[in-house]
All heavy atoms as atom14 arrays in JSON, in Angstrom:
{
  "sequence": "YADSVKGRFTISRDNAENTVYLQMNSLKPEDTAVYYCNAKIRFTDTSI",
  "atom14_mask": [
    [1, 1, 1, 1, 1, 1, 1, 1, 1, 1, 1, 1, 0, 0],
    [1, 1, 1, 1, 1, 0, 0, 0, 0, 0, 0, 0, 0, 0],
    [1, 1, 1, 1, 1, 1, 1, 1, 0, 0, 0, 0, 0, 0],
    [1, 1, 1, 1, 1, 1, 0, 0, 0, 0, 0, 0, 0, 0],
    [1, 1, 1, 1, 1, 1, 1, 0, 0, 0, 0, 0, 0, 0],
    [1, 1, 1, 1, 1, 1, 1, 1, 1, 0, 0, 0, 0, 0],
    [1, 1, 1, 1, 0, 0, 0, 0, 0, 0, 0, 0, 0, 0],
    [1, 1, 1, 1, 1, 1, 1, 1, 1, 1, 1, 0, 0, 0],
    [1, 1, 1, 1, 1, 1, 1, 1, 1, 1, 1, 0, 0, 0],
    [1, 1, 1, 1, 1, 1, 1, 0, 0, 0, 0, 0, 0, 0],
    [1, 1, 1, 1, 1, 1, 1, 1, 0, 0, 0, 0, 0, 0],
    [1, 1, 1, 1, 1, 1, 0, 0, 0, 0, 0, 0, 0, 0],
    [1, 1, 1, 1, 1, 1, 1, 1, 1, 1, 1, 0, 0, 0],
    [1, 1, 1, 1, 1, 1, 1, 1, 0, 0, 0, 0, 0, 0],
    [1, 1, 1, 1, 1, 1, 1, 1, 0, 0, 0, 0, 0, 0],
    [1, 1, 1, 1, 1, 0, 0, 0, 0, 0, 0, 0, 0, 0],
    [1, 1, 1, 1, 1, 1, 1, 1, 1, 0, 0, 0, 0, 0],
    [1, 1, 1, 1, 1, 1, 1, 1, 0, 0, 0, 0, 0, 0],
    [1, 1, 1, 1, 1, 1, 1, 0, 0, 0, 0, 0, 0, 0],
    [1, 1, 1, 1, 1, 1, 1, 0, 0, 0, 0, 0, 0, 0],
    [1, 1, 1, 1, 1, 1, 1, 1, 1, 1, 1, 1, 0, 0],
    [1, 1, 1, 1, 1, 1, 1, 1, 0, 0, 0, 0, 0, 0],
    [1, 1, 1, 1, 1, 1, 1, 1, 1, 0, 0, 0, 0, 0],
    [1, 1, 1, 1, 1, 1, 1, 1, 0, 0, 0, 0, 0, 0],
    [1, 1, 1, 1, 1, 1, 1, 1, 0, 0, 0, 0, 0, 0],
    [1, 1, 1, 1, 1, 1, 0, 0, 0, 0, 0, 0, 0, 0],
    [1, 1, 1, 1, 1, 1, 1, 1, 0, 0, 0, 0, 0, 0],
    [1, 1, 1, 1, 1, 1, 1, 1, 1, 0, 0, 0, 0, 0],
    [1, 1, 1, 1, 1, 1, 1, 0, 0, 0, 0, 0, 0, 0],
    [1, 1, 1, 1, 1, 1, 1, 1, 1, 0, 0, 0, 0, 0],
    [1, 1, 1, 1, 1, 1, 1, 1, 0, 0, 0, 0, 0, 0],
    [1, 1, 1, 1, 1, 1, 1, 0, 0, 0, 0, 0, 0, 0],
    [1, 1, 1, 1, 1, 0, 0, 0, 0, 0, 0, 0, 0, 0],
    [1, 1, 1, 1, 1, 1, 1, 0, 0, 0, 0, 0, 0, 0],
    [1, 1, 1, 1, 1, 1, 1, 1, 1, 1, 1, 1, 0, 0],
    [1, 1, 1, 1, 1, 1, 1, 1, 1, 1, 1, 1, 0, 0],
    [1, 1, 1, 1, 1, 1, 0, 0, 0, 0, 0, 0, 0, 0],
    [1, 1, 1, 1, 1, 1, 1, 1, 0, 0, 0, 0, 0, 0],
    [1, 1, 1, 1, 1, 0, 0, 0, 0, 0, 0, 0, 0, 0],
    [1, 1, 1, 1, 1, 1, 1, 1, 1, 0, 0, 0, 0, 0],
    [1, 1, 1, 1, 1, 1, 1, 1, 0, 0, 0, 0, 0, 0],
    [1, 1, 1, 1, 1, 1, 1, 1, 1, 1, 1, 0, 0, 0],
    [1, 1, 1, 1, 1, 1, 1, 1, 1, 1, 1, 0, 0, 0],
    [1, 1, 1, 1, 1, 1, 1, 0, 0, 0, 0, 0, 0, 0],
    [1, 1, 1, 1, 1, 1, 1, 1, 0, 0, 0, 0, 0, 0],
    [1, 1, 1, 1, 1, 1, 1, 0, 0, 0, 0, 0, 0, 0],
    [1, 1, 1, 1, 1, 1, 0, 0, 0, 0, 0, 0, 0, 0],
    [1, 1, 1, 1, 1, 1, 1, 1, 0, 0, 0, 0, 0, 0]
  ],
  "atom14_positions": [
    [[-8.02, -11.39, 5.25], [-8.91, -11.42, 4.1], [-8.55, -12.54, 3.15], [-7.37, -12.87, 2.98], [-8.85, -10.1, 3.32], [-9.32, -8.89, 4.07], [-8.44, -8.09, 4.77], [-10.67, -8.54, 4.05], [-8.88, -6.97, 5.46], [-11.12, -7.42, 4.73], [-10.22, -6.64, 5.43], [-10.65, -5.52, 6.1], [0.0, 0.0, 0.0], [0.0, 0.0, 0.0]],
    [[-9.57, -13.09, 2.55], [-9.32, -14.0, 1.45], [-8.67, -13.24, 0.31], [-8.97, -12.06, 0.08], [-10.63, -14.63, 0.97], [0.0, 0.0, 0.0], [0.0, 0.0, 0.0], [0.0, 0.0, 0.0], [0.0, 0.0, 0.0], [0.0, 0.0, 0.0], [0.0, 0.0, 0.0], [0.0, 0.0, 0.0], [0.0, 0.0, 0.0], [0.0, 0.0, 0.0]],
    [[-7.78, -13.9, -0.4], [-7.09, -13.23, -1.5], [-8.06, -12.67, -2.53], [-7.8, -11.62, -3.13], [-6.13, -14.2, -2.18], [-4.92, -14.52, -1.33], [-4.6, -13.76, -0.41], [-4.27, -15.56, -1.61], [0.0, 0.0, 0.0], [0.0, 0.0, 0.0], [0.0, 0.0, 0.0], [0.0, 0.0, 0.0], [0.0, 0.0, 0.0], [0.0, 0.0, 0.0]],
    [[-9.16, -13.34, -2.72], [-10.11, -12.93, -3.73], [-10.84, -11.62, -3.42], [-11.43, -11.02, -4.32], [-11.15, -14.04, -3.95], [-11.86, -14.32, -2.77], [0.0, 0.0, 0.0], [0.0, 0.0, 0.0], [0.0, 0.0, 0.0], [0.0, 0.0, 0.0], [0.0, 0.0, 0.0], [0.0, 0.0, 0.0], [0.0, 0.0, 0.0], [0.0, 0.0, 0.0]],
    [[-10.78, -11.18, -2.17], [-11.51, -9.97, -1.8], [-10.59, -8.86, -1.33], [-11.08, -7.74, -1.05], [-12.57, -10.25, -0.72], [-13.5, -11.38, -1.16], [-11.93, -10.58, 0.62], [0.0, 0.0, 0.0], [0.0, 0.0, 0.0], [0.0, 0.0, 0.0], [0.0, 0.0, 0.0], [0.0, 0.0, 0.0], [0.0, 0.0, 0.0], [0.0, 0.0, 0.0]],
    [[-9.32, -9.11, -1.23], [-8.39, -8.08, -0.77], [-8.44, -6.86, -1.67], [-8.46, -6.97, -2.9], [-6.96, -8.63, -0.73], [-6.7, -9.61, 0.4], [-5.25, -10.09, 0.4], [-4.99, -11.04, 1.55], [-3.6, -11.56, 1.54], [0.0, 0.0, 0.0], [0.0, 0.0, 0.0], [0.0, 0.0, 0.0], [0.0, 0.0, 0.0], [0.0, 0.0, 0.0]],
    [[-8.49, -5.72, -1.04], [-8.57, -4.47, -1.78], [-9.97, -4.06, -2.13], [-10.19, -2.91, -2.56], [0.0, 0.0, 0.0], [0.0, 0.0, 0.0], [0.0, 0.0, 0.0], [0.0, 0.0, 0.0], [0.0, 0.0, 0.0], [0.0, 0.0, 0.0], [0.0, 0.0, 0.0], [0.0, 0.0, 0.0], [0.0, 0.0, 0.0], [0.0, 0.0, 0.0]],
    [[-10.93, -4.95, -1.95], [-12.32, -4.65, -2.29], [-13.23, -4.66, -1.06], [-14.18, -3.89, -0.98], [-12.86, -5.64, -3.31], [-12.09, -5.63, -4.63], [-12.78, -6.5, -5.68], [-12.82, -7.91, -5.28], [-13.95, -8.59, -5.09], [-15.12, -8.02, -5.26], [-13.9, -9.88, -4.75], [0.0, 0.0, 0.0], [0.0, 0.0, 0.0], [0.0, 0.0, 0.0]],
    [[-12.95, -5.56, -0.13], [-13.78, -5.71, 1.06], [-13.03, -5.16, 2.27], [-11.8, -5.26, 2.37], [-14.11, -7.18, 1.32], [-15.04, -7.8, 0.32], [-15.4, -7.17, -0.86], [-15.57, -9.06, 0.58], [-16.25, -7.75, -1.78], [-16.42, -9.66, -0.32], [-16.76, -9.02, -1.5], [0.0, 0.0, 0.0], [0.0, 0.0, 0.0], [0.0, 0.0, 0.0]],
    [[-13.79, -4.64, 3.2], [-13.23, -4.16, 4.45], [-14.09, -4.64, 5.61], [-15.31, -4.42, 5.62], [-13.15, -2.62, 4.49], [-12.36, -2.15, 3.4], [-12.52, -2.16, 5.8], [0.0, 0.0, 0.0], [0.0, 0.0, 0.0], [0.0, 0.0, 0.0], [0.0, 0.0, 0.0], [0.0, 0.0, 0.0], [0.0, 0.0, 0.0], [0.0, 0.0, 0.0]],
    [[-13.45, -5.28, 6.56], [-14.16, -5.74, 7.74], [-13.88, -4.78, 8.9], [-12.77, -4.25, 9.03], [-13.77, -7.18, 8.12], [-14.66, -7.71, 9.24], [-12.29, -7.27, 8.51], [-14.47, -9.2, 9.5], [0.0, 0.0, 0.0], [0.0, 0.0, 0.0], [0.0, 0.0, 0.0], [0.0, 0.0, 0.0], [0.0, 0.0, 0.0], [0.0, 0.0, 0.0]],
    [[-14.89, -4.54, 9.7], [-14.74, -3.69, 10.87], [-15.7, -4.18, 11.93], [-16.59, -5.0, 11.67], [-14.99, -2.22, 10.54], [-16.32, -2.03, 10.05], [0.0, 0.0, 0.0], [0.0, 0.0, 0.0], [0.0, 0.0, 0.0], [0.0, 0.0, 0.0], [0.0, 0.0, 0.0], [0.0, 0.0, 0.0], [0.0, 0.0, 0.0], [0.0, 0.0, 0.0]],
    [[-15.51, -3.69, 13.14], [-16.39, -4.12, 14.22], [-16.6, -2.98, 15.21], [-15.77, -2.1, 15.36], [-15.85, -5.36, 14.93], [-14.54, -5.16, 15.66], [-13.97, -6.48, 16.17], [-14.78, -7.07, 17.24], [-14.57, -8.28, 17.76], [-13.59, -9.05, 17.3], [-15.35, -8.72, 18.73], [0.0, 0.0, 0.0], [0.0, 0.0, 0.0], [0.0, 0.0, 0.0]],
    [[-17.72, -3.07, 15.87], [-18.08, -2.14, 16.93], [-18.29, -2.99, 18.17], [-19.33, -3.62, 18.33], [-19.34, -1.36, 16.57], [-19.7, -0.33, 17.62], [-19.26, -0.44, 18.78], [-20.45, 0.6, 17.28], [0.0, 0.0, 0.0], [0.0, 0.0, 0.0], [0.0, 0.0, 0.0], [0.0, 0.0, 0.0], [0.0, 0.0, 0.0], [0.0, 0.0, 0.0]],
    [[-17.29, -3.01, 19.03], [-17.36, -3.88, 20.2], [-18.47, -3.48, 21.16], [-19.05, -4.33, 21.83], [-16.02, -3.89, 20.93], [-14.95, -4.64, 20.17], [-15.25, -5.45, 19.29], [-13.69, -4.39, 20.5], [0.0, 0.0, 0.0], [0.0, 0.0, 0.0], [0.0, 0.0, 0.0], [0.0, 0.0, 0.0], [0.0, 0.0, 0.0], [0.0, 0.0, 0.0]],
    [[-18.75, -2.2, 21.24], [-19.8, -1.74, 22.13], [-21.16, -2.31, 21.75], [-22.02, -2.51, 22.6], [-19.86, -0.22, 22.16], [0.0, 0.0, 0.0], [0.0, 0.0, 0.0], [0.0, 0.0, 0.0], [0.0, 0.0, 0.0], [0.0, 0.0, 0.0], [0.0, 0.0, 0.0], [0.0, 0.0, 0.0], [0.0, 0.0, 0.0], [0.0, 0.0, 0.0]],
    [[-21.33, -2.56, 20.46], [-22.59, -3.09, 19.97], [-22.48, -4.55, 19.55], [-23.45, -5.11, 19.03], [-23.1, -2.26, 18.8], [-23.38, -0.81, 19.16], [-23.94, -0.02, 18.0], [-24.16, -0.61, 16.92], [-24.18, 1.19, 18.18], [0.0, 0.0, 0.0], [0.0, 0.0, 0.0], [0.0, 0.0, 0.0], [0.0, 0.0, 0.0], [0.0, 0.0, 0.0]],
    [[-21.32, -5.15, 19.77], [-21.1, -6.54, 19.36], [-21.5, -6.76, 17.92], [-22.2, -7.73, 17.59], [-21.85, -7.5, 20.29], [-21.28, -7.54, 21.68], [-20.06, -7.45, 21.88], [-22.14, -7.67, 22.68], [0.0, 0.0, 0.0], [0.0, 0.0, 0.0], [0.0, 0.0, 0.0], [0.0, 0.0, 0.0], [0.0, 0.0, 0.0], [0.0, 0.0, 0.0]],
    [[-21.04, -5.88, 17.09], [-21.43, -5.9, 15.69], [-20.19, -5.94, 14.79], [-19.21, -5.25, 15.06], [-22.27, -4.67, 15.34], [-23.43, -4.63, 16.18], [-22.71, -4.69, 13.89], [0.0, 0.0, 0.0], [0.0, 0.0, 0.0], [0.0, 0.0, 0.0], [0.0, 0.0, 0.0], [0.0, 0.0, 0.0], [0.0, 0.0, 0.0], [0.0, 0.0, 0.0]],
    [[-20.28, -6.73, 13.76], [-19.23, -6.79, 12.76], [-19.83, -6.39, 11.42], [-20.98, -6.71, 11.12], [-18.59, -8.19, 12.69], [-19.6, -9.25, 12.28], [-17.39, -8.19, 11.76], [0.0, 0.0, 0.0], [0.0, 0.0, 0.0], [0.0, 0.0, 0.0], [0.0, 0.0, 0.0], [0.0, 0.0, 0.0], [0.0, 0.0, 0.0], [0.0, 0.0, 0.0]],
    [[-19.04, -5.67, 10.64], [-19.49, -5.18, 9.36], [-18.57, -5.69, 8.26], [-17.4, -5.99, 8.48], [-19.47, -3.64, 9.32], [-20.28, -2.99, 10.4], [-19.69, -2.62, 11.6], [-21.63, -2.72, 10.22], [-20.44, -2.0, 12.6], [-22.38, -2.11, 11.2], [-21.78, -1.75, 12.39], [-22.52, -1.15, 13.38], [0.0, 0.0, 0.0], [0.0, 0.0, 0.0]],
    [[-19.12, -5.77, 7.09], [-18.34, -6.1, 5.92], [-18.75, -5.16, 4.8], [-19.85, -5.28, 4.25], [-18.54, -7.55, 5.48], [-17.64, -8.02, 4.34], [-16.19, -8.07, 4.78], [-18.09, -9.39, 3.82], [0.0, 0.0, 0.0], [0.0, 0.0, 0.0], [0.0, 0.0, 0.0], [0.0, 0.0, 0.0], [0.0, 0.0, 0.0], [0.0, 0.0, 0.0]],
    [[-17.87, -4.22, 4.5], [-18.09, -3.31, 3.39], [-17.55, -3.97, 2.14], [-16.36, -4.28, 2.06], [-17.4, -1.98, 3.63], [-17.55, -0.98, 2.5], [-18.97, -0.51, 2.33], [-19.63, -0.16, 3.3], [-19.45, -0.5, 1.09], [0.0, 0.0, 0.0], [0.0, 0.0, 0.0], [0.0, 0.0, 0.0], [0.0, 0.0, 0.0], [0.0, 0.0, 0.0]],
    [[-18.4, -4.18, 1.17], [-18.04, -4.88, -0.05], [-18.16, -3.92, -1.22], [-19.26, -3.47, -1.54], [-18.92, -6.11, -0.27], [-18.92, -7.08, 0.9], [-19.86, -8.59, 0.57], [-21.51, -7.91, 0.42], [0.0, 0.0, 0.0], [0.0, 0.0, 0.0], [0.0, 0.0, 0.0], [0.0, 0.0, 0.0], [0.0, 0.0, 0.0], [0.0, 0.0, 0.0]],
    [[-17.05, -3.61, -1.82], [-17.0, -2.72, -2.97], [-16.53, -3.48, -4.2], [-15.95, -4.56, -4.1], [-16.06, -1.54, -2.7], [-16.5, -0.69, -1.54], [-17.68, -0.49, -1.3], [-15.53, -0.15, -0.8], [0.0, 0.0, 0.0], [0.0, 0.0, 0.0], [0.0, 0.0, 0.0], [0.0, 0.0, 0.0], [0.0, 0.0, 0.0], [0.0, 0.0, 0.0]],
    [[-16.78, -2.89, -5.34], [-16.35, -3.48, -6.61], [-16.77, -4.94, -6.71], [-15.98, -5.82, -7.07], [-14.83, -3.35, -6.77], [-14.43, -2.0, -6.72], [0.0, 0.0, 0.0], [0.0, 0.0, 0.0], [0.0, 0.0, 0.0], [0.0, 0.0, 0.0], [0.0, 0.0, 0.0], [0.0, 0.0, 0.0], [0.0, 0.0, 0.0], [0.0, 0.0, 0.0]],
    [[-18.0, -5.19, -6.4], [-18.5, -6.55, -6.36], [-18.46, -7.21, -7.73], [-18.7, -6.56, -8.76], [-19.91, -6.59, -5.8], [-20.0, -6.43, -4.28], [-21.39, -6.04, -3.85], [-19.56, -7.72, -3.59], [0.0, 0.0, 0.0], [0.0, 0.0, 0.0], [0.0, 0.0, 0.0], [0.0, 0.0, 0.0], [0.0, 0.0, 0.0], [0.0, 0.0, 0.0]],
    [[-18.16, -8.48, -7.72], [-18.06, -9.29, -8.92], [-19.08, -10.42, -8.87], [-19.49, -10.83, -7.78], [-16.65, -9.87, -9.05], [-15.53, -8.85, -9.04], [-14.17, -9.54, -9.06], [-13.04, -8.54, -9.04], [-11.72, -9.22, -9.03], [0.0, 0.0, 0.0], [0.0, 0.0, 0.0], [0.0, 0.0, 0.0], [0.0, 0.0, 0.0], [0.0, 0.0, 0.0]],
    [[-19.46, -10.94, -10.01], [-20.4, -12.07, -10.0], [-19.91, -13.24, -9.15], [-20.73, -13.93, -8.53], [-20.5, -12.46, -11.48], [-20.25, -11.17, -12.2], [-19.21, -10.46, -11.38], [0.0, 0.0, 0.0], [0.0, 0.0, 0.0], [0.0, 0.0, 0.0], [0.0, 0.0, 0.0], [0.0, 0.0, 0.0], [0.0, 0.0, 0.0], [0.0, 0.0, 0.0]],
    [[-18.61, -13.46, -9.11], [-18.09, -14.55, -8.32], [-18.2, -14.33, -6.82], [-17.91, -15.23, -6.03], [-16.62, -14.86, -8.69], [-15.73, -13.63, -8.71], [-15.56, -13.05, -10.1], [-16.56, -12.94, -10.83], [-14.41, -12.7, -10.46], [0.0, 0.0, 0.0], [0.0, 0.0, 0.0], [0.0, 0.0, 0.0], [0.0, 0.0, 0.0], [0.0, 0.0, 0.0]],
    [[-18.6, -13.14, -6.42], [-18.87, -12.88, -5.01], [-20.25, -13.38, -4.59], [-20.58, -13.36, -3.4], [-18.78, -11.39, -4.7], [-17.38, -10.84, -4.88], [-16.41, -11.51, -4.47], [-17.25, -9.72, -5.43], [0.0, 0.0, 0.0], [0.0, 0.0, 0.0], [0.0, 0.0, 0.0], [0.0, 0.0, 0.0], [0.0, 0.0, 0.0], [0.0, 0.0, 0.0]],
    [[-21.04, -13.81, -5.55], [-22.37, -14.29, -5.25], [-22.31, -15.51, -4.33], [-21.65, -16.5, -4.65], [-23.12, -14.65, -6.54], [-23.29, -13.48, -7.33], [-24.48, -15.25, -6.23], [0.0, 0.0, 0.0], [0.0, 0.0, 0.0], [0.0, 0.0, 0.0], [0.0, 0.0, 0.0], [0.0, 0.0, 0.0], [0.0, 0.0, 0.0], [0.0, 0.0, 0.0]],
    [[-22.98, -15.43, -3.21], [-22.95, -16.49, -2.22], [-23.87, -16.11, -1.07], [-24.35, -14.98, -0.99], [-21.53, -16.73, -1.71], [0.0, 0.0, 0.0], [0.0, 0.0, 0.0], [0.0, 0.0, 0.0], [0.0, 0.0, 0.0], [0.0, 0.0, 0.0], [0.0, 0.0, 0.0], [0.0, 0.0, 0.0], [0.0, 0.0, 0.0], [0.0, 0.0, 0.0]],
    [[-24.07, -17.05, -0.19], [-24.68, -16.75, 1.09], [-23.55, -16.41, 2.05], [-22.6, -17.17, 2.2], [-25.5, -17.93, 1.64], [-26.06, -17.6, 3.01], [-26.63, -18.27, 0.67], [0.0, 0.0, 0.0], [0.0, 0.0, 0.0], [0.0, 0.0, 0.0], [0.0, 0.0, 0.0], [0.0, 0.0, 0.0], [0.0, 0.0, 0.0], [0.0, 0.0, 0.0]],
    [[-23.67, -15.27, 2.67], [-22.65, -14.8, 3.59], [-23.09, -15.03, 5.02], [-24.2, -14.66, 5.41], [-22.37, -13.31, 3.36], [-21.55, -13.06, 2.12], [-22.09, -13.26, 0.86], [-20.23, -12.63, 2.21], [-21.34, -13.05, -0.28], [-19.47, -12.41, 1.08], [-20.03, -12.62, -0.17], [-19.27, -12.4, -1.3], [0.0, 0.0, 0.0], [0.0, 0.0, 0.0]],
    [[-22.21, -15.64, 5.78], [-22.5, -16.0, 7.16], [-21.6, -15.25, 8.12], [-20.38, -15.23, 7.95], [-22.31, -17.5, 7.39], [-23.25, -18.38, 6.6], [-22.89, -18.86, 5.35], [-24.49, -18.74, 7.11], [-23.73, -19.67, 4.62], [-25.34, -19.56, 6.39], [-24.96, -20.02, 5.15], [-25.8, -20.83, 4.43], [0.0, 0.0, 0.0], [0.0, 0.0, 0.0]],
    [[-22.2, -14.67, 9.11], [-21.46, -14.08, 10.2], [-20.98, -15.17, 11.14], [-21.7, -16.13, 11.42], [-22.35, -13.08, 10.94], [-21.62, -12.36, 12.42], [0.0, 0.0, 0.0], [0.0, 0.0, 0.0], [0.0, 0.0, 0.0], [0.0, 0.0, 0.0], [0.0, 0.0, 0.0], [0.0, 0.0, 0.0], [0.0, 0.0, 0.0], [0.0, 0.0, 0.0]],
    [[-19.77, -15.02, 11.61], [-19.19, -15.97, 12.55], [-18.54, -15.23, 13.7], [-17.96, -14.16, 13.51], [-18.15, -16.85, 11.84], [-17.31, -17.66, 12.82], [-16.22, -17.25, 13.21], [-17.82, -18.82, 13.21], [0.0, 0.0, 0.0], [0.0, 0.0, 0.0], [0.0, 0.0, 0.0], [0.0, 0.0, 0.0], [0.0, 0.0, 0.0], [0.0, 0.0, 0.0]],
    [[-18.64, -15.81, 14.87], [-17.97, -15.23, 16.02], [-17.54, -16.32, 16.97], [-18.23, -17.33, 17.14], [-18.88, -14.24, 16.75], [0.0, 0.0, 0.0], [0.0, 0.0, 0.0], [0.0, 0.0, 0.0], [0.0, 0.0, 0.0], [0.0, 0.0, 0.0], [0.0, 0.0, 0.0], [0.0, 0.0, 0.0], [0.0, 0.0, 0.0], [0.0, 0.0, 0.0]],
    [[-16.39, -16.11, 17.56], [-15.92, -16.96, 18.65], [-16.46, -16.36, 19.94], [-16.08, -15.26, 20.32], [-14.4, -17.02, 18.68], [-13.75, -17.6, 17.44], [-13.88, -19.09, 17.4], [-13.07, -19.68, 16.25], [-13.18, -21.15, 16.2], [0.0, 0.0, 0.0], [0.0, 0.0, 0.0], [0.0, 0.0, 0.0], [0.0, 0.0, 0.0], [0.0, 0.0, 0.0]],
    [[-17.34, -17.1, 20.59], [-18.05, -16.58, 21.75], [-17.79, -17.45, 22.97], [-17.83, -18.68, 22.89], [-19.56, -16.49, 21.48], [-19.82, -15.42, 20.42], [-20.34, -16.18, 22.75], [-21.27, -15.29, 20.03], [0.0, 0.0, 0.0], [0.0, 0.0, 0.0], [0.0, 0.0, 0.0], [0.0, 0.0, 0.0], [0.0, 0.0, 0.0], [0.0, 0.0, 0.0]],
    [[-17.54, -16.79, 24.08], [-17.37, -17.47, 25.35], [-18.37, -16.91, 26.34], [-18.45, -15.7, 26.54], [-15.95, -17.28, 25.89], [-15.74, -17.91, 27.26], [-14.34, -17.61, 27.82], [-14.12, -16.2, 28.05], [-14.53, -15.53, 29.12], [-15.21, -16.15, 30.08], [-14.26, -14.23, 29.24], [0.0, 0.0, 0.0], [0.0, 0.0, 0.0], [0.0, 0.0, 0.0]],
    [[-19.13, -17.78, 26.93], [-20.02, -17.35, 27.99], [-19.22, -17.17, 29.27], [-18.19, -17.81, 29.49], [-21.15, -18.36, 28.19], [-22.15, -18.33, 27.08], [-22.06, -19.22, 26.02], [-23.17, -17.4, 27.07], [-22.97, -19.18, 24.99], [-24.09, -17.35, 26.04], [-23.98, -18.25, 24.99], [0.0, 0.0, 0.0], [0.0, 0.0, 0.0], [0.0, 0.0, 0.0]],
    [[-19.69, -16.3, 30.12], [-18.91, -15.87, 31.28], [-18.62, -16.99, 32.27], [-17.67, -16.9, 33.05], [-19.6, -14.72, 32.01], [-20.92, -15.1, 32.38], [-19.65, -13.49, 31.13], [0.0, 0.0, 0.0], [0.0, 0.0, 0.0], [0.0, 0.0, 0.0], [0.0, 0.0, 0.0], [0.0, 0.0, 0.0], [0.0, 0.0, 0.0], [0.0, 0.0, 0.0]],
    [[-19.42, -18.03, 32.26], [-19.2, -19.14, 33.19], [-18.36, -20.26, 32.6], [-18.25, -21.33, 33.21], [-20.54, -19.7, 33.68], [-21.4, -20.24, 32.56], [-21.1, -19.96, 31.39], [-22.38, -20.95, 32.86], [0.0, 0.0, 0.0], [0.0, 0.0, 0.0], [0.0, 0.0, 0.0], [0.0, 0.0, 0.0], [0.0, 0.0, 0.0], [0.0, 0.0, 0.0]],
    [[-17.76, -20.03, 31.46], [-16.92, -21.03, 30.83], [-15.61, -20.38, 30.38], [-15.47, -19.16, 30.39], [-17.59, -21.68, 29.62], [-17.64, -20.75, 28.53], [-19.0, -22.15, 29.96], [0.0, 0.0, 0.0], [0.0, 0.0, 0.0], [0.0, 0.0, 0.0], [0.0, 0.0, 0.0], [0.0, 0.0, 0.0], [0.0, 0.0, 0.0], [0.0, 0.0, 0.0]],
    [[-14.67, -21.22, 30.01], [-13.41, -20.75, 29.48], [-13.18, -21.18, 28.05], [-12.07, -21.09, 27.53], [-12.26, -21.26, 30.36], [-12.21, -22.67, 30.39], [0.0, 0.0, 0.0], [0.0, 0.0, 0.0], [0.0, 0.0, 0.0], [0.0, 0.0, 0.0], [0.0, 0.0, 0.0], [0.0, 0.0, 0.0], [0.0, 0.0, 0.0], [0.0, 0.0, 0.0]],
    [[-14.22, -21.64, 27.41], [-14.13, -22.17, 26.07], [-14.86, -21.26, 25.09], [-16.01, -20.88, 25.33], [-14.73, -23.59, 25.98], [-13.99, -24.53, 26.93], [-14.67, -24.12, 24.56], [-14.61, -25.9, 27.04], [0.0, 0.0, 0.0], [0.0, 0.0, 0.0], [0.0, 0.0, 0.0], [0.0, 0.0, 0.0], [0.0, 0.0, 0.0], [0.0, 0.0, 0.0]]
  ]
}
């Protein structure tokens, strides 16, 4: 976690559904932003 969100945000994932969650509590104005999901993905025919 970024230091700025520790204790307030919780990340979790459901591998069966290939889903990641971000629970954001105690939100502050400085949390205002566009939030982007990111994943490291490898297709089965590659090793990258």
